[in-house]
């Protein structure tokens, strides 16, 4: 099922071109610097029989770990890249979770969960190192929170501002990330604070590894 509007096709094409080959080595090359992902998965505390959505599912590496850690959860994932979804399907199959997982191609900034998955919302939603790659990241963050069911939570981990690391490291890292169209979102905590206030939700933020990564949780 394809849920991409015409305005998003350019970004989708760029992601497909970038990851058509990279997806085969993505998990091996990224495991050393996409820090905080496994902590996010542990913190989900997905309820038995509950629903978990990953926005920007990529290769499905994270969702496969969620499948193993929460064997009774119902799993959902979306990504704008058809190429990445090929790898995600394979990883979910290897995890033995294909019978309780739905993956779809969609734009993180604008999707209808009912039309896409037959679900009005989800108990847990998470975004791992994807906001820094989404041009309309603020809209994607707002959309993610809007599909969290009351009593549920949204979990985010992404590159921080490296605020407690040497300036040379920050400059080198951000220059390198720019080669892959990755931009750490400096206003992330402020935007999340505003969204949490709008929903009357609880927000917790923290910097990990001296600001290398930032994580946040919004509980509705």
C-alpha atoms as a PDB file:
ATOM      1  CA  UNK A   1       0.000   0.000   0.000  1.00  0.00           C
ATOM      2  CA  UNK A   2       1.421   3.397  -0.985  1.00  0.00           C
ATOM      3  CA  UNK A   3       0.499   6.445   1.097  1.00  0.00           C
ATOM      4  CA  UNK A   4       2.901   9.035  -0.303  1.00  0.00           C
ATOM      5  CA  UNK A   5       1.573  12.318  -1.631  1.00  0.00           C
ATOM      6  CA  UNK A   6       3.064  14.028  -4.649  1.00  0.00           C
ATOM      7  CA  UNK A   7       4.816  16.623  -2.478  1.00  0.00           C
ATOM      8  CA  UNK A   8       6.774  13.875  -0.704  1.00  0.00           C
ATOM      9  CA  UNK A   9       7.921  11.933  -3.737  1.00  0.00           C
ATOM     10  CA  UNK A  10      11.120  13.966  -4.177  1.00  0.00           C
ATOM     11  CA  UNK A  11      12.241  13.174  -0.635  1.00  0.00           C
ATOM     12  CA  UNK A  12      11.213   9.537  -1.058  1.00  0.00           C
ATOM     13  CA  UNK A  13      13.248   9.292  -4.260  1.00  0.00           C
ATOM     14  CA  UNK A  14      16.300  10.777  -2.550  1.00  0.00           C
ATOM     15  CA  UNK A  15      16.031   8.277   0.300  1.00  0.00           C
ATOM     16  CA  UNK A  16      15.608   5.351  -2.084  1.00  0.00           C
ATOM     17  CA  UNK A  17      18.648   6.447  -4.084  1.00  0.00           C
ATOM     18  CA  UNK A  18      20.709   6.847  -0.918  1.00  0.00           C
ATOM     19  CA  UNK A  19      19.749   3.526   0.618  1.00  0.00           C
ATOM     20  CA  UNK A  20      19.300   1.214  -2.363  1.00  0.00           C
ATOM     21  CA  UNK A  21      22.794  -0.158  -1.664  1.00  0.00           C
ATOM     22  CA  UNK A  22      23.476   1.229   1.817  1.00  0.00           C
ATOM     23  CA  UNK A  23      20.612  -0.727   3.342  1.00  0.00           C
ATOM     24  CA  UNK A  24      22.634  -3.927   2.931  1.00  0.00           C
ATOM     25  CA  UNK A  25      25.384  -2.660   5.261  1.00  0.00           C
ATOM     26  CA  UNK A  26      23.404  -0.077   7.236  1.00  0.00           C
ATOM     27  CA  UNK A  27      23.041  -2.002  10.489  1.00  0.00           C
ATOM     28  CA  UNK A  28      26.672  -3.095  10.569  1.00  0.00           C
ATOM     29  CA  UNK A  29      28.032   0.397   9.961  1.00  0.00           C
ATOM     30  CA  UNK A  30      25.591   2.294  12.213  1.00  0.00           C
ATOM     31  CA  UNK A  31      25.647   0.192  15.372  1.00  0.00           C
ATOM     32  CA  UNK A  32      28.715   1.992  16.700  1.00  0.00           C
ATOM     33  CA  UNK A  33      27.325   5.514  16.579  1.00  0.00           C
ATOM     34  CA  UNK A  34      23.518   5.389  16.722  1.00  0.00           C
ATOM     35  CA  UNK A  35      23.695   5.383  20.497  1.00  0.00           C
ATOM     36  CA  UNK A  36      20.722   5.058  22.823  1.00  0.00           C
ATOM     37  CA  UNK A  37      18.511   2.915  20.606  1.00  0.00           C
ATOM     38  CA  UNK A  38      18.536  -0.144  22.833  1.00  0.00           C
ATOM     39  CA  UNK A  39      17.828   1.980  25.910  1.00  0.00           C
ATOM     40  CA  UNK A  40      14.800   3.427  24.133  1.00  0.00           C
ATOM     41  CA  UNK A  41      13.508  -0.071  23.401  1.00  0.00           C
ATOM     42  CA  UNK A  42      13.917  -1.123  27.037  1.00  0.00           C
ATOM     43  CA  UNK A  43      12.096   2.006  28.184  1.00  0.00           C
ATOM     44  CA  UNK A  44       9.077   1.353  25.962  1.00  0.00           C
ATOM     45  CA  UNK A  45       7.614  -1.093  28.486  1.00  0.00           C
ATOM     46  CA  UNK A  46       5.042  -2.095  25.892  1.00  0.00           C
ATOM     47  CA  UNK A  47       1.968  -3.694  27.484  1.00  0.00           C
ATOM     48  CA  UNK A  48       0.978  -7.255  26.605  1.00  0.00           C
ATOM     49  CA  UNK A  49      -1.271  -7.107  23.567  1.00  0.00           C
ATOM     50  CA  UNK A  50      -0.483  -3.435  23.122  1.00  0.00           C
ATOM     51  CA  UNK A  51       0.352  -1.677  19.871  1.00  0.00           C
ATOM     52  CA  UNK A  52       3.799  -0.271  19.031  1.00  0.00           C
ATOM     53  CA  UNK A  53       4.506   1.979  16.046  1.00  0.00           C
ATOM     54  CA  UNK A  54       7.963   2.881  14.759  1.00  0.00           C
ATOM     55  CA  UNK A  55       8.058   5.978  12.562  1.00  0.00           C
ATOM     56  CA  UNK A  56      11.034   5.774  10.217  1.00  0.00           C
ATOM     57  CA  UNK A  57      11.392   2.022  10.578  1.00  0.00           C
ATOM     58  CA  UNK A  58      14.415   1.874   8.254  1.00  0.00           C
ATOM     59  CA  UNK A  59      15.897  -1.609   8.054  1.00  0.00           C
ATOM     60  CA  UNK A  60      13.599  -2.897  10.785  1.00  0.00           C
ATOM     61  CA  UNK A  61      16.539  -3.520  13.125  1.00  0.00           C
ATOM     62  CA  UNK A  62      14.826  -1.756  16.032  1.00  0.00           C
ATOM     63  CA  UNK A  63      11.379  -3.210  15.392  1.00  0.00           C
ATOM     64  CA  UNK A  64      12.841  -6.723  15.269  1.00  0.00           C
ATOM     65  CA  UNK A  65      14.377  -6.120  18.719  1.00  0.00           C
ATOM     66  CA  UNK A  66      11.023  -4.820  19.962  1.00  0.00           C
ATOM     67  CA  UNK A  67       9.426  -8.008  18.613  1.00  0.00           C
ATOM     68  CA  UNK A  68      11.841 -10.157  20.613  1.00  0.00           C
ATOM     69  CA  UNK A  69      11.584  -8.115  23.808  1.00  0.00           C
ATOM     70  CA  UNK A  70       7.791  -7.768  23.711  1.00  0.00           C
ATOM     71  CA  UNK A  71       6.524 -11.042  22.208  1.00  0.00           C
ATOM     72  CA  UNK A  72       2.859 -10.204  22.787  1.00  0.00           C
ATOM     73  CA  UNK A  73       2.906  -6.712  21.286  1.00  0.00           C
ATOM     74  CA  UNK A  74       1.334  -5.855  17.942  1.00  0.00           C
ATOM     75  CA  UNK A  75       3.886  -4.109  15.755  1.00  0.00           C
ATOM     76  CA  UNK A  76       3.606  -1.426  13.090  1.00  0.00           C
ATOM     77  CA  UNK A  77       6.206   0.453  11.094  1.00  0.00           C
ATOM     78  CA  UNK A  78       6.294   3.076   8.378  1.00  0.00           C
ATOM     79  CA  UNK A  79       9.014   4.565   6.235  1.00  0.00           C
ATOM     80  CA  UNK A  80       9.137   6.803   3.204  1.00  0.00           C
ATOM     81  CA  UNK A  81      11.815   4.628   1.548  1.00  0.00           C
ATOM     82  CA  UNK A  82      10.582   1.587  -0.348  1.00  0.00           C
ATOM     83  CA  UNK A  83      14.188   0.325  -0.407  1.00  0.00           C
ATOM     84  CA  UNK A  84      14.502   0.384   3.371  1.00  0.00           C
ATOM     85  CA  UNK A  85      11.185  -1.412   3.727  1.00  0.00           C
ATOM     86  CA  UNK A  86      12.626  -4.342   1.785  1.00  0.00           C
ATOM     87  CA  UNK A  87      15.235  -4.798   4.508  1.00  0.00           C
ATOM     88  CA  UNK A  88      12.652  -4.240   7.228  1.00  0.00           C
ATOM     89  CA  UNK A  89      10.457  -7.020   5.869  1.00  0.00           C
ATOM     90  CA  UNK A  90      13.438  -9.358   5.916  1.00  0.00           C
ATOM     91  CA  UNK A  91      14.444  -8.498   9.481  1.00  0.00           C
ATOM     92  CA  UNK A  92      10.894  -8.929  10.753  1.00  0.00           C
ATOM     93  CA  UNK A  93      10.737 -12.308   9.019  1.00  0.00           C
ATOM     94  CA  UNK A  94      13.997 -13.374  10.688  1.00  0.00           C
ATOM     95  CA  UNK A  95      12.576 -12.281  14.041  1.00  0.00           C
ATOM     96  CA  UNK A  96       9.580 -14.558  13.472  1.00  0.00           C
ATOM     97  CA  UNK A  97       7.200 -11.634  13.948  1.00  0.00           C
ATOM     98  CA  UNK A  98       5.634 -11.333  10.501  1.00  0.00           C
ATOM     99  CA  UNK A  99       2.209 -12.522  11.721  1.00  0.00           C
ATOM    100  CA  UNK A 100       1.887  -9.595  14.162  1.00  0.00           C
ATOM    101  CA  UNK A 101       3.632  -6.877  12.146  1.00  0.00           C
ATOM    102  CA  UNK A 102       2.390  -4.456   9.493  1.00  0.00           C
ATOM    103  CA  UNK A 103       4.824  -2.319   7.497  1.00  0.00           C
ATOM    104  CA  UNK A 104       3.734   0.423   5.128  1.00  0.00           C
ATOM    105  CA  UNK A 105       5.259   3.175   3.002  1.00  0.00           C
ATOM    106  CA  UNK A 106       4.146   6.580   4.223  1.00  0.00           C
ATOM    107  CA  UNK A 107       5.261  10.120   4.981  1.00  0.00           C
ATOM    108  CA  UNK A 108       6.023  10.595   8.696  1.00  0.00           C
ATOM    109  CA  UNK A 109       4.717  14.153   8.573  1.00  0.00           C
ATOM    110  CA  UNK A 110       1.273  13.215   7.273  1.00  0.00           C
ATOM    111  CA  UNK A 111      -0.352   9.811   7.579  1.00  0.00           C
ATOM    112  CA  UNK A 112      -3.719   8.461   8.667  1.00  0.00           C
ATOM    113  CA  UNK A 113      -3.189   5.517  11.049  1.00  0.00           C
ATOM    114  CA  UNK A 114      -6.698   4.204  10.467  1.00  0.00           C
ATOM    115  CA  UNK A 115      -6.328   4.179   6.683  1.00  0.00           C
ATOM    116  CA  UNK A 116      -2.766   2.872   6.833  1.00  0.00           C
ATOM    117  CA  UNK A 117      -2.997   0.198   9.530  1.00  0.00           C
ATOM    118  CA  UNK A 118      -6.632  -0.011  10.592  1.00  0.00           C
ATOM    119  CA  UNK A 119      -5.674   1.466  13.979  1.00  0.00           C
ATOM    120  CA  UNK A 120      -6.927   4.755  15.471  1.00  0.00           C
ATOM    121  CA  UNK A 121      -3.762   5.131  17.544  1.00  0.00           C
ATOM    122  CA  UNK A 122      -1.015   3.273  19.369  1.00  0.00           C
ATOM    123  CA  UNK A 123       0.049   2.553  22.942  1.00  0.00           C
ATOM    124  CA  UNK A 124       3.690   3.263  22.162  1.00  0.00           C
ATOM    125  CA  UNK A 125       5.198   5.311  19.334  1.00  0.00           C
ATOM    126  CA  UNK A 126       8.909   5.822  18.842  1.00  0.00           C
ATOM    127  CA  UNK A 127      11.283   7.550  16.446  1.00  0.00           C
ATOM    128  CA  UNK A 128      14.936   6.522  16.440  1.00  0.00           C
ATOM    129  CA  UNK A 129      17.450   8.711  14.577  1.00  0.00           C
ATOM    130  CA  UNK A 130      14.915   9.745  11.949  1.00  0.00           C
ATOM    131  CA  UNK A 131      13.852  13.278  12.885  1.00  0.00           C
ATOM    132  CA  UNK A 132      17.330  14.447  11.896  1.00  0.00           C
ATOM    133  CA  UNK A 133      16.630  13.164   8.372  1.00  0.00           C
ATOM    134  CA  UNK A 134      13.042  14.355   7.902  1.00  0.00           C
ATOM    135  CA  UNK A 135      12.794  17.812   6.269  1.00  0.00           C
ATOM    136  CA  UNK A 136       9.444  18.524   7.959  1.00  0.00           C
ATOM    137  CA  UNK A 137      10.617  17.149  11.292  1.00  0.00           C
ATOM    138  CA  UNK A 138       8.442  19.391  13.445  1.00  0.00           C
ATOM    139  CA  UNK A 139       5.333  18.232  11.588  1.00  0.00           C
ATOM    140  CA  UNK A 140       6.502  14.630  11.969  1.00  0.00           C
ATOM    141  CA  UNK A 141       6.943  15.092  15.718  1.00  0.00           C
ATOM    142  CA  UNK A 142       3.481  16.609  16.046  1.00  0.00           C
ATOM    143  CA  UNK A 143       1.988  13.824  13.936  1.00  0.00           C
ATOM    144  CA  UNK A 144       3.702  11.185  16.078  1.00  0.00           C
ATOM    145  CA  UNK A 145       2.258  12.590  19.291  1.00  0.00           C
ATOM    146  CA  UNK A 146      -1.204  12.888  17.742  1.00  0.00           C
ATOM    147  CA  UNK A 147      -1.388   9.112  17.157  1.00  0.00           C
ATOM    148  CA  UNK A 148      -0.425   8.184  20.733  1.00  0.00           C
ATOM    149  CA  UNK A 149      -3.441   6.871  22.609  1.00  0.00           C
ATOM    150  CA  UNK A 150      -4.332   8.480  25.967  1.00  0.00           C
ATOM    151  CA  UNK A 151      -2.234   6.708  28.583  1.00  0.00           C
ATOM    152  CA  UNK A 152       0.413   5.913  25.975  1.00  0.00           C
ATOM    153  CA  UNK A 153       3.801   7.443  25.256  1.00  0.00           C
ATOM    154  CA  UNK A 154       6.054   8.788  22.522  1.00  0.00           C
ATOM    155  CA  UNK A 155       9.779   8.006  22.699  1.00  0.00           C
ATOM    156  CA  UNK A 156      12.515   9.798  20.730  1.00  0.00           C
ATOM    157  CA  UNK A 157      16.268   9.335  20.420  1.00  0.00           C
ATOM    158  CA  UNK A 158      18.409  11.248  17.941  1.00  0.00           C
ATOM    159  CA  UNK A 159      21.625  13.162  17.564  1.00  0.00           C
ATOM    160  CA  UNK A 160      22.046  15.933  20.119  1.00  0.00           C
ATOM    161  CA  UNK A 161      24.177  19.058  19.958  1.00  0.00           C
ATOM    162  CA  UNK A 162      27.277  17.422  21.521  1.00  0.00           C
ATOM    163  CA  UNK A 163      27.175  20.269  24.023  1.00  0.00           C
ATOM    164  CA  UNK A 164      29.611  18.701  26.485  1.00  0.00           C
ATOM    165  CA  UNK A 165      31.996  17.305  23.889  1.00  0.00           C
ATOM    166  CA  UNK A 166      35.020  19.081  22.351  1.00  0.00           C
ATOM    167  CA  UNK A 167      34.162  21.630  19.664  1.00  0.00           C
ATOM    168  CA  UNK A 168      36.408  19.869  17.155  1.00  0.00           C
ATOM    169  CA  UNK A 169      34.425  16.661  17.661  1.00  0.00           C
ATOM    170  CA  UNK A 170      31.131  18.446  17.156  1.00  0.00           C
ATOM    171  CA  UNK A 171      32.345  20.124  13.966  1.00  0.00           C
ATOM    172  CA  UNK A 172      33.730  16.874  12.565  1.00  0.00           C
ATOM    173  CA  UNK A 173      30.605  14.885  13.418  1.00  0.00           C
ATOM    174  CA  UNK A 174      28.156  17.394  11.993  1.00  0.00           C
ATOM    175  CA  UNK A 175      30.236  17.777   8.835  1.00  0.00           C
ATOM    176  CA  UNK A 176      30.236  14.024   8.361  1.00  0.00           C
ATOM    177  CA  UNK A 177      26.509  13.711   9.085  1.00  0.00           C
ATOM    178  CA  UNK A 178      25.807  16.376   6.500  1.00  0.00           C
ATOM    179  CA  UNK A 179      27.154  14.066   3.829  1.00  0.00           C
ATOM    180  CA  UNK A 180      24.195  11.778   4.566  1.00  0.00           C
ATOM    181  CA  UNK A 181      21.584  14.572   4.767  1.00  0.00           C
ATOM    182  CA  UNK A 182      21.445  14.308   8.564  1.00  0.00           C
ATOM    183  CA  UNK A 183      20.891  17.499  10.595  1.00  0.00           C
ATOM    184  CA  UNK A 184      20.729  17.345  14.415  1.00  0.00           C
ATOM    185  CA  UNK A 185      17.660  19.323  15.517  1.00  0.00           C
ATOM    186  CA  UNK A 186      18.807  21.992  17.951  1.00  0.00           C
ATOM    187  CA  UNK A 187      15.223  23.135  18.840  1.00  0.00           C
ATOM    188  CA  UNK A 188      14.043  19.570  19.536  1.00  0.00           C
ATOM    189  CA  UNK A 189      13.513  19.932  23.286  1.00  0.00           C
ATOM    190  CA  UNK A 190      11.783  23.312  22.904  1.00  0.00           C
ATOM    191  CA  UNK A 191       9.422  22.038  20.206  1.00  0.00           C
ATOM    192  CA  UNK A 192       8.634  18.925  22.265  1.00  0.00           C
ATOM    193  CA  UNK A 193       7.906  21.101  25.298  1.00  0.00           C
ATOM    194  CA  UNK A 194       5.374  23.113  23.315  1.00  0.00           C
ATOM    195  CA  UNK A 195       3.665  19.994  21.982  1.00  0.00           C
ATOM    196  CA  UNK A 196       3.502  18.401  25.419  1.00  0.00           C
ATOM    197  CA  UNK A 197       1.884  21.545  26.799  1.00  0.00           C
ATOM    198  CA  UNK A 198      -0.704  21.510  24.012  1.00  0.00           C
ATOM    199  CA  UNK A 199      -1.753  17.973  24.942  1.00  0.00           C
ATOM    200  CA  UNK A 200      -1.387  18.432  28.696  1.00  0.00           C
ATOM    201  CA  UNK A 201       1.197  15.642  28.546  1.00  0.00           C
ATOM    202  CA  UNK A 202       4.262  14.949  30.688  1.00  0.00           C
ATOM    203  CA  UNK A 203       7.653  15.518  29.051  1.00  0.00           C
ATOM    204  CA  UNK A 204      11.031  14.212  30.176  1.00  0.00           C
ATOM    205  CA  UNK A 205      14.231  15.100  28.305  1.00  0.00           C
ATOM    206  CA  UNK A 206      17.823  14.054  28.799  1.00  0.00           C
ATOM    207  CA  UNK A 207      21.153  14.360  27.092  1.00  0.00           C
ATOM    208  CA  UNK A 208      23.077  11.105  26.641  1.00  0.00           C
ATOM    209  CA  UNK A 209      26.814  10.616  26.366  1.00  0.00           C
ATOM    210  CA  UNK A 210      27.672  14.257  27.073  1.00  0.00           C
ATOM    211  CA  UNK A 211      25.113  15.456  24.575  1.00  0.00           C
ATOM    212  CA  UNK A 212      26.119  13.148  21.744  1.00  0.00           C
ATOM    213  CA  UNK A 213      22.491  12.012  21.659  1.00  0.00           C
ATOM    214  CA  UNK A 214      19.276  13.450  23.022  1.00  0.00           C
ATOM    215  CA  UNK A 215      16.286  11.433  24.209  1.00  0.00           C
ATOM    216  CA  UNK A 216      12.817  12.450  25.239  1.00  0.00           C
ATOM    217  CA  UNK A 217       9.588  10.837  26.323  1.00  0.00           C
ATOM    218  CA  UNK A 218       6.126  12.385  26.185  1.00  0.00           C
ATOM    219  CA  UNK A 219       3.428  10.592  28.168  1.00  0.00           C
ATOM    220  CA  UNK A 220      -0.190  11.389  27.389  1.00  0.00           C
END
